[in-house]
Amino acid sequence: MTMLPDLPQNRVLLDVLREQGVPQDKHGFPYEGWELHTHPDLVERLGDLAADWPAVAAYGMPVLAAKGVAAVVARSMGMLLVRLPEAPPGSLKRQAAWPPLTDPGQGWYSLCAWQSEIPSAESKRQLSSLVLHALSYAASLSQDDTVDWRGRPVQAPDARPGKAAKGRRPSRGGSGKGGRRGGGRGRR
């Protein structure tokens, strides 16, 4: 598993997690060299909400990140910290604040990972949608243009002079109208 990168966008989060992190010992649940600070059921729930999205480790907590920028943190028994440009829908149950991350203007919101007031399938749908929104938002905060929001390499366009864009052939007729020949007279 990869560690969450020490980027400026992650600094406050990493400072808080580092403060609370406990190096792995023989009595705790190990998580990438640190004691796990998240219930295993919540680790599984995080995976369910973001299918096929790998979690990275940060001082004993699983984190979902896009382009290296943290988007969602699974904490304790049932807390999801979600980074969003705006507050999540009021229909979603909040969890206790976790200063300084959830302080006004920080962009982090503390939500219940289970949303037991909402039917299970609807809860999962709403939270999955919110997690994807958080991942997209986190990617927009990144300065890295070499990868897409899922972390896949971005192929730069061919910048060599005289080369057409890959996948397009230049028109043949020179008329600029899809390569028609014959001066646009059509069939006779």
C-alpha atoms as a PDB file:
ATOM      1  CA  MET A   1       0.000   0.000   0.000  1.00  0.00           C
ATOM      2  CA  THR A   2       1.149   3.514  -0.732  1.00  0.00           C
ATOM      3  CA  MET A   3       1.464   6.317   1.816  1.00  0.00           C
ATOM      4  CA  LEU A   4      -0.440   9.553   1.272  1.00  0.00           C
ATOM      5  CA  PRO A   5       2.023  12.028  -0.280  1.00  0.00           C
ATOM      6  CA  ASP A   6       3.192  15.002   1.766  1.00  0.00           C
ATOM      7  CA  LEU A   7       1.699  17.649  -0.524  1.00  0.00           C
ATOM      8  CA  PRO A   8       0.704  21.161   0.580  1.00  0.00           C
ATOM      9  CA  GLN A   9      -2.969  20.191   0.065  1.00  0.00           C
ATOM     10  CA  ASN A  10      -2.529  17.327   2.578  1.00  0.00           C
ATOM     11  CA  ARG A  11      -0.417  19.118   5.166  1.00  0.00           C
ATOM     12  CA  VAL A  12      -3.106  19.912   7.783  1.00  0.00           C
ATOM     13  CA  LEU A  13      -4.584  16.407   7.513  1.00  0.00           C
ATOM     14  CA  LEU A  14      -1.179  14.752   7.793  1.00  0.00           C
ATOM     15  CA  ASP A  15      -0.255  16.910  10.798  1.00  0.00           C
ATOM     16  CA  VAL A  16      -3.430  15.806  12.622  1.00  0.00           C
ATOM     17  CA  LEU A  17      -2.978  12.144  11.708  1.00  0.00           C
ATOM     18  CA  ARG A  18       0.720  12.177  12.594  1.00  0.00           C
ATOM     19  CA  GLU A  19      -0.139  13.580  16.043  1.00  0.00           C
ATOM     20  CA  GLN A  20      -2.543  10.709  16.700  1.00  0.00           C
ATOM     21  CA  GLY A  21      -0.624   7.955  14.921  1.00  0.00           C
ATOM     22  CA  VAL A  22       0.875   5.152  16.978  1.00  0.00           C
ATOM     23  CA  PRO A  23       3.672   3.054  15.486  1.00  0.00           C
ATOM     24  CA  GLN A  24       2.722  -0.604  15.123  1.00  0.00           C
ATOM     25  CA  ASP A  25       3.393  -2.830  18.111  1.00  0.00           C
ATOM     26  CA  LYS A  26       2.651  -6.488  18.695  1.00  0.00           C
ATOM     27  CA  HIS A  27      -0.683  -5.818  20.483  1.00  0.00           C
ATOM     28  CA  GLY A  28      -2.583  -3.563  18.070  1.00  0.00           C
ATOM     29  CA  PHE A  29      -4.026  -4.143  14.627  1.00  0.00           C
ATOM     30  CA  PRO A  30      -1.220  -3.400  12.151  1.00  0.00           C
ATOM     31  CA  TYR A  31      -1.883  -1.081   9.218  1.00  0.00           C
ATOM     32  CA  GLU A  32       1.106  -0.267   7.051  1.00  0.00           C
ATOM     33  CA  GLY A  33       3.478   0.043   9.987  1.00  0.00           C
ATOM     34  CA  TRP A  34       1.006   1.912  12.197  1.00  0.00           C
ATOM     35  CA  GLU A  35      -1.720   0.879  14.598  1.00  0.00           C
ATOM     36  CA  LEU A  36      -5.080   0.880  12.821  1.00  0.00           C
ATOM     37  CA  HIS A  37      -7.318   3.730  14.040  1.00  0.00           C
ATOM     38  CA  THR A  38     -10.296   2.651  11.972  1.00  0.00           C
ATOM     39  CA  HIS A  39     -12.627  -0.254  12.662  1.00  0.00           C
ATOM     40  CA  PRO A  40     -12.086  -3.039  10.086  1.00  0.00           C
ATOM     41  CA  ASP A  41     -15.799  -2.873   9.149  1.00  0.00           C
ATOM     42  CA  LEU A  42     -15.350   0.788   8.245  1.00  0.00           C
ATOM     43  CA  VAL A  43     -12.290  -0.043   6.132  1.00  0.00           C
ATOM     44  CA  GLU A  44     -14.519  -2.494   4.248  1.00  0.00           C
ATOM     45  CA  ARG A  45     -17.324   0.105   3.985  1.00  0.00           C
ATOM     46  CA  LEU A  46     -14.880   2.604   2.471  1.00  0.00           C
ATOM     47  CA  GLY A  47     -13.970   0.001  -0.145  1.00  0.00           C
ATOM     48  CA  ASP A  48     -17.666  -0.607  -0.890  1.00  0.00           C
ATOM     49  CA  LEU A  49     -18.342   3.095  -1.360  1.00  0.00           C
ATOM     50  CA  ALA A  50     -15.445   3.552  -3.759  1.00  0.00           C
ATOM     51  CA  ALA A  51     -15.326   0.301  -5.680  1.00  0.00           C
ATOM     52  CA  ASP A  52     -12.028  -0.267  -7.486  1.00  0.00           C
ATOM     53  CA  TRP A  53     -10.428   2.779  -5.833  1.00  0.00           C
ATOM     54  CA  PRO A  54      -7.328   1.896  -3.809  1.00  0.00           C
ATOM     55  CA  ALA A  55      -6.899   3.310  -0.336  1.00  0.00           C
ATOM     56  CA  VAL A  56      -3.585   4.807   0.704  1.00  0.00           C
ATOM     57  CA  ALA A  57      -2.276   4.716   4.258  1.00  0.00           C
ATOM     58  CA  ALA A  58      -1.784   7.708   6.518  1.00  0.00           C
ATOM     59  CA  TYR A  59      -0.612   7.032  10.090  1.00  0.00           C
ATOM     60  CA  GLY A  60      -3.017   4.167  10.721  1.00  0.00           C
ATOM     61  CA  MET A  61      -6.010   5.376   8.715  1.00  0.00           C
ATOM     62  CA  PRO A  62      -7.149   4.498   5.201  1.00  0.00           C
ATOM     63  CA  VAL A  63      -7.486   7.464   2.871  1.00  0.00           C
ATOM     64  CA  LEU A  64      -8.888   7.800  -0.618  1.00  0.00           C
ATOM     65  CA  ALA A  65      -6.914  10.264  -2.698  1.00  0.00           C
ATOM     66  CA  ALA A  66      -7.024  11.568  -6.261  1.00  0.00           C
ATOM     67  CA  LYS A  67      -3.807  12.734  -7.904  1.00  0.00           C
ATOM     68  CA  GLY A  68      -2.178  12.423  -4.471  1.00  0.00           C
ATOM     69  CA  VAL A  69      -4.626  14.812  -2.773  1.00  0.00           C
ATOM     70  CA  ALA A  70      -6.666  13.361   0.111  1.00  0.00           C
ATOM     71  CA  ALA A  71     -10.428  13.209  -0.497  1.00  0.00           C
ATOM     72  CA  VAL A  72     -11.915  10.823   2.099  1.00  0.00           C
ATOM     73  CA  VAL A  73     -10.625   9.495   5.423  1.00  0.00           C
ATOM     74  CA  ALA A  74     -12.183   6.565   7.312  1.00  0.00           C
ATOM     75  CA  ARG A  75     -11.817   7.130  11.055  1.00  0.00           C
ATOM     76  CA  SER A  76     -12.846   5.358  14.234  1.00  0.00           C
ATOM     77  CA  MET A  77     -16.044   3.260  14.242  1.00  0.00           C
ATOM     78  CA  GLY A  78     -18.123   5.091  11.653  1.00  0.00           C
ATOM     79  CA  MET A  79     -16.759   8.481  10.641  1.00  0.00           C
ATOM     80  CA  LEU A  80     -16.021   9.523   7.084  1.00  0.00           C
ATOM     81  CA  LEU A  81     -14.165  12.784   6.665  1.00  0.00           C
ATOM     82  CA  VAL A  82     -15.023  14.039   3.201  1.00  0.00           C
ATOM     83  CA  ARG A  83     -13.300  16.939   1.413  1.00  0.00           C
ATOM     84  CA  LEU A  84     -15.833  18.930  -0.602  1.00  0.00           C
ATOM     85  CA  PRO A  85     -16.116  22.416  -2.123  1.00  0.00           C
ATOM     86  CA  GLU A  86     -19.511  22.823  -0.404  1.00  0.00           C
ATOM     87  CA  ALA A  87     -21.366  21.278   2.522  1.00  0.00           C
ATOM     88  CA  PRO A  88     -22.871  17.838   1.856  1.00  0.00           C
ATOM     89  CA  PRO A  89     -26.665  17.474   1.550  1.00  0.00           C
ATOM     90  CA  GLY A  90     -28.532  18.160   4.789  1.00  0.00           C
ATOM     91  CA  SER A  91     -30.245  14.782   4.499  1.00  0.00           C
ATOM     92  CA  LEU A  92     -26.983  13.039   5.430  1.00  0.00           C
ATOM     93  CA  LYS A  93     -26.297  12.517   9.129  1.00  0.00           C
ATOM     94  CA  ARG A  94     -23.235  14.343  10.421  1.00  0.00           C
ATOM     95  CA  GLN A  95     -20.669  13.019  12.887  1.00  0.00           C
ATOM     96  CA  ALA A  96     -18.840  14.974  15.574  1.00  0.00           C
ATOM     97  CA  ALA A  97     -16.519  17.718  14.392  1.00  0.00           C
ATOM     98  CA  TRP A  98     -12.817  16.918  14.197  1.00  0.00           C
ATOM     99  CA  PRO A  99     -10.924  20.198  14.536  1.00  0.00           C
ATOM    100  CA  PRO A 100      -9.004  21.664  12.873  1.00  0.00           C
ATOM    101  CA  LEU A 101     -10.044  19.715   9.770  1.00  0.00           C
ATOM    102  CA  THR A 102     -13.771  20.373  10.126  1.00  0.00           C
ATOM    103  CA  ASP A 103     -13.334  24.009  11.163  1.00  0.00           C
ATOM    104  CA  PRO A 104     -15.171  26.484   8.878  1.00  0.00           C
ATOM    105  CA  GLY A 105     -13.312  27.126   5.652  1.00  0.00           C
ATOM    106  CA  GLN A 106     -11.203  23.965   5.795  1.00  0.00           C
ATOM    107  CA  GLY A 107     -13.374  22.027   3.322  1.00  0.00           C
ATOM    108  CA  TRP A 108     -13.675  18.839   5.390  1.00  0.00           C
ATOM    109  CA  TYR A 109     -17.019  17.472   6.582  1.00  0.00           C
ATOM    110  CA  SER A 110     -17.591  14.695   9.100  1.00  0.00           C
ATOM    111  CA  LEU A 111     -20.336  12.233   8.130  1.00  0.00           C
ATOM    112  CA  CYS A 112     -21.732   8.989   9.457  1.00  0.00           C
ATOM    113  CA  ALA A 113     -20.502   6.155   7.244  1.00  0.00           C
ATOM    114  CA  TRP A 114     -23.608   4.070   7.820  1.00  0.00           C
ATOM    115  CA  GLN A 115     -26.524   6.566   7.509  1.00  0.00           C
ATOM    116  CA  SER A 116     -28.890   4.180   9.322  1.00  0.00           C
ATOM    117  CA  GLU A 117     -31.846   6.616   8.940  1.00  0.00           C
ATOM    118  CA  ILE A 118     -31.817   6.019   5.174  1.00  0.00           C
ATOM    119  CA  PRO A 119     -32.554   2.623   3.552  1.00  0.00           C
ATOM    120  CA  SER A 120     -29.324   0.705   2.991  1.00  0.00           C
ATOM    121  CA  ALA A 121     -29.240   0.815  -0.828  1.00  0.00           C
ATOM    122  CA  GLU A 122     -30.095   4.530  -0.891  1.00  0.00           C
ATOM    123  CA  SER A 123     -27.496   5.267   1.790  1.00  0.00           C
ATOM    124  CA  LYS A 124     -24.814   3.495  -0.218  1.00  0.00           C
ATOM    125  CA  ARG A 125     -25.872   5.282  -3.424  1.00  0.00           C
ATOM    126  CA  GLN A 126     -25.768   8.731  -1.801  1.00  0.00           C
ATOM    127  CA  LEU A 127     -22.480   8.148  -0.008  1.00  0.00           C
ATOM    128  CA  SER A 128     -20.850   6.599  -3.105  1.00  0.00           C
ATOM    129  CA  SER A 129     -21.882   9.619  -5.139  1.00  0.00           C
ATOM    130  CA  LEU A 130     -20.493  11.948  -2.468  1.00  0.00           C
ATOM    131  CA  VAL A 131     -17.210  10.014  -2.326  1.00  0.00           C
ATOM    132  CA  LEU A 132     -16.808  10.301  -6.116  1.00  0.00           C
ATOM    133  CA  HIS A 133     -17.554  14.020  -5.886  1.00  0.00           C
ATOM    134  CA  ALA A 134     -14.899  14.345  -3.165  1.00  0.00           C
ATOM    135  CA  LEU A 135     -12.363  12.469  -5.317  1.00  0.00           C
ATOM    136  CA  SER A 136     -13.105  14.688  -8.305  1.00  0.00           C
ATOM    137  CA  TYR A 137     -12.779  17.789  -6.131  1.00  0.00           C
ATOM    138  CA  ALA A 138      -9.487  16.588  -4.624  1.00  0.00           C
ATOM    139  CA  ALA A 139      -8.109  15.999  -8.124  1.00  0.00           C
ATOM    140  CA  SER A 140      -9.009  19.574  -9.052  1.00  0.00           C
ATOM    141  CA  LEU A 141      -6.820  20.790  -6.176  1.00  0.00           C
ATOM    142  CA  SER A 142      -3.773  19.003  -7.577  1.00  0.00           C
ATOM    143  CA  GLN A 143      -1.009  20.716  -9.507  1.00  0.00           C
ATOM    144  CA  ASP A 144      -0.055  17.445 -11.231  1.00  0.00           C
ATOM    145  CA  ASP A 145      -1.038  17.459 -14.902  1.00  0.00           C
ATOM    146  CA  THR A 146       0.832  14.236 -15.726  1.00  0.00           C
ATOM    147  CA  VAL A 147      -1.988  12.003 -14.458  1.00  0.00           C
ATOM    148  CA  ASP A 148      -5.761  12.036 -14.732  1.00  0.00           C
ATOM    149  CA  TRP A 149      -8.006  12.229 -11.668  1.00  0.00           C
ATOM    150  CA  ARG A 150      -7.756   8.452 -11.189  1.00  0.00           C
ATOM    151  CA  GLY A 151      -3.954   8.625 -11.274  1.00  0.00           C
ATOM    152  CA  ARG A 152      -3.503   7.188 -14.773  1.00  0.00           C
ATOM    153  CA  PRO A 153      -0.766   8.778 -16.919  1.00  0.00           C
ATOM    154  CA  VAL A 154      -1.976  11.453 -19.299  1.00  0.00           C
ATOM    155  CA  GLN A 155      -0.603  11.198 -22.816  1.00  0.00           C
ATOM    156  CA  ALA A 156       0.568  14.557 -24.056  1.00  0.00           C
ATOM    157  CA  PRO A 157      -0.429  15.511 -27.604  1.00  0.00           C
ATOM    158  CA  ASP A 158       2.264  15.110 -30.255  1.00  0.00           C
ATOM    159  CA  ALA A 159       3.887  18.527 -30.481  1.00  0.00           C
ATOM    160  CA  ARG A 160       6.203  17.810 -33.427  1.00  0.00           C
ATOM    161  CA  PRO A 161       5.763  20.287 -36.271  1.00  0.00           C
ATOM    162  CA  GLY A 162       4.144  18.950 -39.398  1.00  0.00           C
ATOM    163  CA  LYS A 163       2.514  16.007 -37.649  1.00  0.00           C
ATOM    164  CA  ALA A 164      -1.257  15.700 -37.683  1.00  0.00           C
ATOM    165  CA  ALA A 165      -3.070  14.825 -34.497  1.00  0.00           C
ATOM    166  CA  LYS A 166      -3.137  11.081 -34.023  1.00  0.00           C
ATOM    167  CA  GLY A 167      -6.334   9.507 -35.252  1.00  0.00           C
ATOM    168  CA  ARG A 168      -7.115  12.237 -37.796  1.00  0.00           C
ATOM    169  CA  ARG A 169      -6.080  12.277 -41.410  1.00  0.00           C
ATOM    170  CA  PRO A 170      -5.660  15.567 -43.163  1.00  0.00           C
ATOM    171  CA  SER A 171      -8.234  16.220 -45.855  1.00  0.00           C
ATOM    172  CA  ARG A 172      -7.133  15.464 -49.378  1.00  0.00           C
ATOM    173  CA  GLY A 173      -9.067  17.852 -51.526  1.00  0.00           C
ATOM    174  CA  GLY A 174      -7.731  21.045 -50.074  1.00  0.00           C
ATOM    175  CA  SER A 175     -11.209  22.488 -50.094  1.00  0.00           C
ATOM    176  CA  GLY A 176     -11.492  22.201 -46.322  1.00  0.00           C
ATOM    177  CA  LYS A 177     -14.877  20.501 -46.676  1.00  0.00           C
ATOM    178  CA  GLY A 178     -14.166  16.978 -45.543  1.00  0.00           C
ATOM    179  CA  GLY A 179     -11.809  16.246 -48.433  1.00  0.00           C
ATOM    180  CA  ARG A 180     -14.386  16.330 -51.219  1.00  0.00           C
ATOM    181  CA  ARG A 181     -12.943  16.418 -54.689  1.00  0.00           C
ATOM    182  CA  GLY A 182     -14.295  18.027 -57.751  1.00  0.00           C
ATOM    183  CA  GLY A 183     -14.829  21.526 -56.482  1.00  0.00           C
ATOM    184  CA  GLY A 184     -18.009  20.707 -54.587  1.00  0.00           C
ATOM    185  CA  ARG A 185     -20.028  20.009 -57.761  1.00  0.00           C
ATOM    186  CA  GLY A 186     -21.427  16.753 -56.382  1.00  0.00           C
ATOM    187  CA  ARG A 187     -22.464  13.773 -58.533  1.00  0.00           C
ATOM    188  CA  ARG A 188     -23.958  14.163 -61.935  1.00  0.00           C
END
